[in-house]
């Protein structure tokens, strides 16, 4: 069910599933459709943990690069809450 007050969103082609060490998260990079506004980014886990960056990014590439830097620095498991994420067998 959509809310009429919420704008249509444009999603970056860089958005999508990202898997490392058998753990998958969804990277969502978006902005209001038809605008040149900055890009917002959030990461969703299979357990519905959400990590959202407070500051927007001038380009979708900068957003994705920040995501990759976070994974390199803190690991993909840093997007999960207190519990260990499931791994693919």
C-alpha atoms as a PDB file:
ATOM      1  CA  UNK A   1       0.000   0.000   0.000  1.00  0.00           C
ATOM      2  CA  UNK A   2       1.573   3.288  -1.044  1.00  0.00           C
ATOM      3  CA  UNK A   3       1.219   6.647   0.575  1.00  0.00           C
ATOM      4  CA  UNK A   4       0.153   9.370  -1.873  1.00  0.00           C
ATOM      5  CA  UNK A   5       2.314  11.891  -0.019  1.00  0.00           C
ATOM      6  CA  UNK A   6       5.515   9.975  -0.696  1.00  0.00           C
ATOM      7  CA  UNK A   7       7.322  10.826  -3.930  1.00  0.00           C
ATOM      8  CA  UNK A   8       8.161   8.210  -6.549  1.00  0.00           C
ATOM      9  CA  UNK A   9      11.706   7.038  -6.041  1.00  0.00           C
ATOM     10  CA  UNK A  10      14.471   6.558  -8.579  1.00  0.00           C
ATOM     11  CA  UNK A  11      16.781   3.663  -7.715  1.00  0.00           C
ATOM     12  CA  UNK A  12      20.432   3.582  -8.678  1.00  0.00           C
ATOM     13  CA  UNK A  13      21.632   0.810 -10.949  1.00  0.00           C
ATOM     14  CA  UNK A  14      24.177   0.198  -8.170  1.00  0.00           C
ATOM     15  CA  UNK A  15      21.366  -0.877  -5.828  1.00  0.00           C
ATOM     16  CA  UNK A  16      20.824  -4.572  -5.288  1.00  0.00           C
ATOM     17  CA  UNK A  17      22.001  -7.598  -3.390  1.00  0.00           C
ATOM     18  CA  UNK A  18      25.611  -7.765  -2.252  1.00  0.00           C
ATOM     19  CA  UNK A  19      27.149 -10.974  -0.922  1.00  0.00           C
ATOM     20  CA  UNK A  20      30.422 -11.448   0.913  1.00  0.00           C
ATOM     21  CA  UNK A  21      31.564 -14.397   3.049  1.00  0.00           C
ATOM     22  CA  UNK A  22      28.240 -16.149   2.388  1.00  0.00           C
ATOM     23  CA  UNK A  23      26.266 -13.223   3.838  1.00  0.00           C
ATOM     24  CA  UNK A  24      23.869 -11.213   1.647  1.00  0.00           C
ATOM     25  CA  UNK A  25      22.520  -7.704   2.248  1.00  0.00           C
ATOM     26  CA  UNK A  26      20.384  -5.421   0.094  1.00  0.00           C
ATOM     27  CA  UNK A  27      21.941  -2.077  -0.811  1.00  0.00           C
ATOM     28  CA  UNK A  28      19.272   0.550  -1.536  1.00  0.00           C
ATOM     29  CA  UNK A  29      20.492   3.788  -3.149  1.00  0.00           C
ATOM     30  CA  UNK A  30      17.686   6.143  -4.149  1.00  0.00           C
ATOM     31  CA  UNK A  31      16.434   9.694  -4.564  1.00  0.00           C
ATOM     32  CA  UNK A  32      13.095  11.292  -5.501  1.00  0.00           C
ATOM     33  CA  UNK A  33      12.392  10.536  -9.180  1.00  0.00           C
ATOM     34  CA  UNK A  34      12.871  13.331 -11.686  1.00  0.00           C
ATOM     35  CA  UNK A  35      15.167  15.325  -9.427  1.00  0.00           C
ATOM     36  CA  UNK A  36      18.864  16.036  -9.164  1.00  0.00           C
ATOM     37  CA  UNK A  37      18.770  15.739  -5.382  1.00  0.00           C
ATOM     38  CA  UNK A  38      21.491  13.871  -3.544  1.00  0.00           C
ATOM     39  CA  UNK A  39      21.264  10.101  -3.135  1.00  0.00           C
ATOM     40  CA  UNK A  40      20.195   8.405   0.104  1.00  0.00           C
ATOM     41  CA  UNK A  41      21.574   4.986   1.019  1.00  0.00           C
ATOM     42  CA  UNK A  42      20.449   2.246   3.332  1.00  0.00           C
ATOM     43  CA  UNK A  43      21.411  -1.378   3.804  1.00  0.00           C
ATOM     44  CA  UNK A  44      18.862  -4.052   4.730  1.00  0.00           C
ATOM     45  CA  UNK A  45      19.717  -7.461   6.150  1.00  0.00           C
ATOM     46  CA  UNK A  46      17.746 -10.687   5.916  1.00  0.00           C
ATOM     47  CA  UNK A  47      16.772 -10.134   9.567  1.00  0.00           C
ATOM     48  CA  UNK A  48      15.354  -6.721   8.631  1.00  0.00           C
ATOM     49  CA  UNK A  49      18.120  -4.777  10.352  1.00  0.00           C
ATOM     50  CA  UNK A  50      18.370  -1.387   8.633  1.00  0.00           C
ATOM     51  CA  UNK A  51      21.482   0.784   8.450  1.00  0.00           C
ATOM     52  CA  UNK A  52      20.792   4.216   6.986  1.00  0.00           C
ATOM     53  CA  UNK A  53      23.390   6.884   6.325  1.00  0.00           C
ATOM     54  CA  UNK A  54      22.291  10.247   7.715  1.00  0.00           C
ATOM     55  CA  UNK A  55      24.140  12.339   5.150  1.00  0.00           C
ATOM     56  CA  UNK A  56      23.184  12.078   1.475  1.00  0.00           C
ATOM     57  CA  UNK A  57      25.705  11.517  -1.306  1.00  0.00           C
ATOM     58  CA  UNK A  58      26.205  13.760  -4.376  1.00  0.00           C
ATOM     59  CA  UNK A  59      26.350  10.698  -6.654  1.00  0.00           C
ATOM     60  CA  UNK A  60      25.160   7.120  -6.459  1.00  0.00           C
ATOM     61  CA  UNK A  61      28.742   5.994  -7.115  1.00  0.00           C
ATOM     62  CA  UNK A  62      29.962   7.856  -4.002  1.00  0.00           C
ATOM     63  CA  UNK A  63      27.228   6.176  -1.975  1.00  0.00           C
ATOM     64  CA  UNK A  64      28.193   2.712  -3.233  1.00  0.00           C
ATOM     65  CA  UNK A  65      31.888   3.438  -2.680  1.00  0.00           C
ATOM     66  CA  UNK A  66      31.074   4.330   0.943  1.00  0.00           C
ATOM     67  CA  UNK A  67      29.200   1.042   1.299  1.00  0.00           C
ATOM     68  CA  UNK A  68      32.207  -0.868  -0.080  1.00  0.00           C
ATOM     69  CA  UNK A  69      34.561   1.053   2.229  1.00  0.00           C
ATOM     70  CA  UNK A  70      32.371   0.180   5.224  1.00  0.00           C
ATOM     71  CA  UNK A  71      32.414  -3.507   4.256  1.00  0.00           C
ATOM     72  CA  UNK A  72      36.212  -3.393   3.850  1.00  0.00           C
ATOM     73  CA  UNK A  73      36.695  -1.555   7.154  1.00  0.00           C
ATOM     74  CA  UNK A  74      34.081  -3.206   9.397  1.00  0.00           C
ATOM     75  CA  UNK A  75      32.966  -6.335   7.540  1.00  0.00           C
ATOM     76  CA  UNK A  76      29.583  -7.205   6.098  1.00  0.00           C
ATOM     77  CA  UNK A  77      28.467  -8.520   9.485  1.00  0.00           C
ATOM     78  CA  UNK A  78      28.597  -4.962  10.847  1.00  0.00           C
ATOM     79  CA  UNK A  79      25.178  -4.338   9.261  1.00  0.00           C
ATOM     80  CA  UNK A  80      23.550  -6.941  11.502  1.00  0.00           C
ATOM     81  CA  UNK A  81      22.270  -6.367  15.018  1.00  0.00           C
ATOM     82  CA  UNK A  82      23.566  -8.342  17.953  1.00  0.00           C
ATOM     83  CA  UNK A  83      22.947 -11.727  16.387  1.00  0.00           C
ATOM     84  CA  UNK A  84      25.289 -13.461  13.978  1.00  0.00           C
ATOM     85  CA  UNK A  85      23.961 -13.378  10.420  1.00  0.00           C
ATOM     86  CA  UNK A  86      23.049 -16.621   8.716  1.00  0.00           C
ATOM     87  CA  UNK A  87      25.645 -17.944   6.319  1.00  0.00           C
ATOM     88  CA  UNK A  88      25.024 -19.939   3.177  1.00  0.00           C
ATOM     89  CA  UNK A  89      25.890 -23.609   3.572  1.00  0.00           C
END
